[in-house]
Amino acid sequence: MKVKYRILEERTIDGGWETIGVITLFDVEPLHLQLNGIVQHTVSTSIWRVILGRVRERGLTLETYHLAFGEYEGDYRLLLEIQEVEGKTAAEIREYLRDKYVYGNTITAAQPVAA
């Protein structure tokens, strides 16, 4: 199984950008499961409800997904490059993408924190 995706970033307090997840395109049925996001739990659910509503209403694709950001494009952006990953199952691919793009920027409980 192959999945296409774009990297999602959020503006940081210092004005930079931080990777917080990916928007994925799975080649599966039903159609509403094809275009989906795998994002950090810290994103604003109220903002993402608006963005997801626009994606559905406008019939946006992976290529045009960023058009749903509207007034939030100063806070969120999708990198232009569409990447592809392959795996045996959808669950395996989701786990890989979560590990790399969602949890990859966080400190785990096992890591020491400098004082």
Protein backbone atom coordinates (compact mmCIF):
# COMPACT_ATOMS: atom_id res chain seq x y z
CA MET A 1 0.00 0.00 0.00
CA LYS A 2 1.27 3.48 -0.88
CA VAL A 3 0.24 6.72 0.78
CA LYS A 4 0.94 10.26 -0.37
CA TYR A 5 1.35 13.04 2.17
CA ARG A 6 2.36 16.65 2.77
CA ILE A 7 4.13 17.88 5.89
CA LEU A 8 2.11 20.24 8.12
CA GLU A 9 3.83 23.00 10.08
CA GLU A 10 2.68 25.44 12.76
CA ARG A 11 4.12 28.88 13.51
CA THR A 12 6.21 29.01 16.70
CA ILE A 13 6.24 31.82 19.24
CA ASP A 14 9.58 33.07 17.88
CA GLY A 15 8.20 33.25 14.31
CA GLY A 16 9.75 30.03 13.01
CA TRP A 17 7.96 26.90 11.85
CA GLU A 18 7.65 23.52 13.60
CA THR A 19 6.48 20.25 12.06
CA ILE A 20 3.30 19.07 13.79
CA GLY A 21 2.09 16.33 11.50
CA VAL A 22 1.03 15.40 7.98
CA ILE A 23 -1.99 15.49 5.72
CA THR A 24 -2.34 12.09 4.08
CA LEU A 25 -4.01 10.68 0.99
CA PHE A 26 -4.79 6.97 1.37
CA ASP A 27 -6.05 5.07 -1.67
CA VAL A 28 -8.91 3.39 0.22
CA GLU A 29 -12.67 3.24 0.47
CA PRO A 30 -14.83 4.88 1.77
CA LEU A 31 -13.94 8.19 0.18
CA HIS A 32 -14.11 10.21 3.43
CA LEU A 33 -11.15 8.22 4.79
CA GLN A 34 -8.90 9.00 1.84
CA LEU A 35 -7.84 12.54 2.80
CA ASN A 36 -6.94 12.77 6.46
CA GLY A 37 -4.59 14.37 8.97
CA ILE A 38 -2.18 12.94 11.51
CA VAL A 39 -1.37 15.86 13.83
CA GLN A 40 -0.17 16.66 17.34
CA HIS A 41 -2.86 16.72 20.01
CA THR A 42 -1.91 20.31 20.85
CA VAL A 43 -3.48 21.83 17.71
CA SER A 44 -6.59 23.95 18.19
CA THR A 45 -9.59 21.72 17.60
CA SER A 46 -11.87 24.70 16.92
CA ILE A 47 -9.53 25.99 14.18
CA TRP A 48 -9.13 22.53 12.66
CA ARG A 49 -12.91 22.01 12.60
CA VAL A 50 -13.15 25.14 10.43
CA ILE A 51 -10.29 23.99 8.17
CA LEU A 52 -11.72 20.45 7.79
CA GLY A 53 -15.15 21.89 7.00
CA ARG A 54 -13.67 23.99 4.22
CA VAL A 55 -11.81 20.98 2.80
CA ARG A 56 -15.09 19.03 2.61
CA GLU A 57 -17.23 21.93 1.36
CA ARG A 58 -14.80 22.88 -1.40
CA GLY A 59 -13.84 19.34 -2.39
CA LEU A 60 -10.16 20.11 -1.87
CA THR A 61 -7.44 17.59 -2.67
CA LEU A 62 -4.01 16.90 -1.23
CA GLU A 63 -2.63 19.35 -3.79
CA THR A 64 -5.10 22.13 -2.87
CA TYR A 65 -5.64 21.38 0.84
CA HIS A 66 -3.75 24.53 1.89
CA LEU A 67 -6.50 26.69 0.36
CA ALA A 68 -8.67 25.79 3.36
CA PHE A 69 -6.36 27.62 5.80
CA GLY A 70 -7.73 31.08 4.94
CA GLU A 71 -7.21 33.42 7.88
CA TYR A 72 -5.13 30.72 9.63
CA GLU A 73 -2.41 30.57 6.96
CA GLY A 74 -0.21 32.73 9.17
CA ASP A 75 -0.36 29.97 11.79
CA TYR A 76 -0.35 26.80 9.65
CA ARG A 77 1.24 25.80 6.36
CA LEU A 78 1.71 22.72 4.23
CA LEU A 79 5.03 22.16 2.54
CA LEU A 80 4.62 22.02 -1.24
CA GLU A 81 6.35 18.69 -1.79
CA ILE A 82 4.07 15.66 -1.97
CA GLN A 83 5.90 12.68 -0.53
CA GLU A 84 5.06 9.00 -0.67
CA VAL A 85 5.53 6.17 1.78
CA GLU A 86 4.86 2.47 1.32
CA GLY A 87 3.89 -0.15 3.90
CA LYS A 88 2.06 -3.43 4.31
CA THR A 89 -0.98 -1.94 6.06
CA ALA A 90 -2.60 1.43 6.69
CA ALA A 91 -1.95 0.99 10.42
CA GLU A 92 1.77 0.45 9.79
CA ILE A 93 1.95 3.59 7.65
CA ARG A 94 0.03 5.70 10.19
CA GLU A 95 2.37 4.53 12.96
CA TYR A 96 5.44 5.40 10.86
CA LEU A 97 4.10 8.88 10.02
CA ARG A 98 3.10 9.56 13.65
CA ASP A 99 6.54 8.52 14.90
CA LYS A 100 8.37 10.61 12.31
CA TYR A 101 6.26 13.78 12.11
CA VAL A 102 4.05 13.98 15.19
CA TYR A 103 6.13 12.49 17.99
CA GLY A 104 9.50 13.13 16.37
CA ASN A 105 9.64 16.66 17.78
CA THR A 106 8.64 15.81 21.34
CA ILE A 107 10.72 14.70 24.30
CA THR A 108 9.81 11.28 25.66
CA ALA A 109 9.56 10.58 29.38
CA ALA A 110 12.71 8.44 29.18
CA GLN A 111 14.90 11.29 27.90
CA PRO A 112 16.73 13.38 30.49
CA VAL A 113 15.91 17.08 30.49
CA ALA A 114 18.72 19.57 31.07
CA ALA A 115 18.16 21.77 34.11
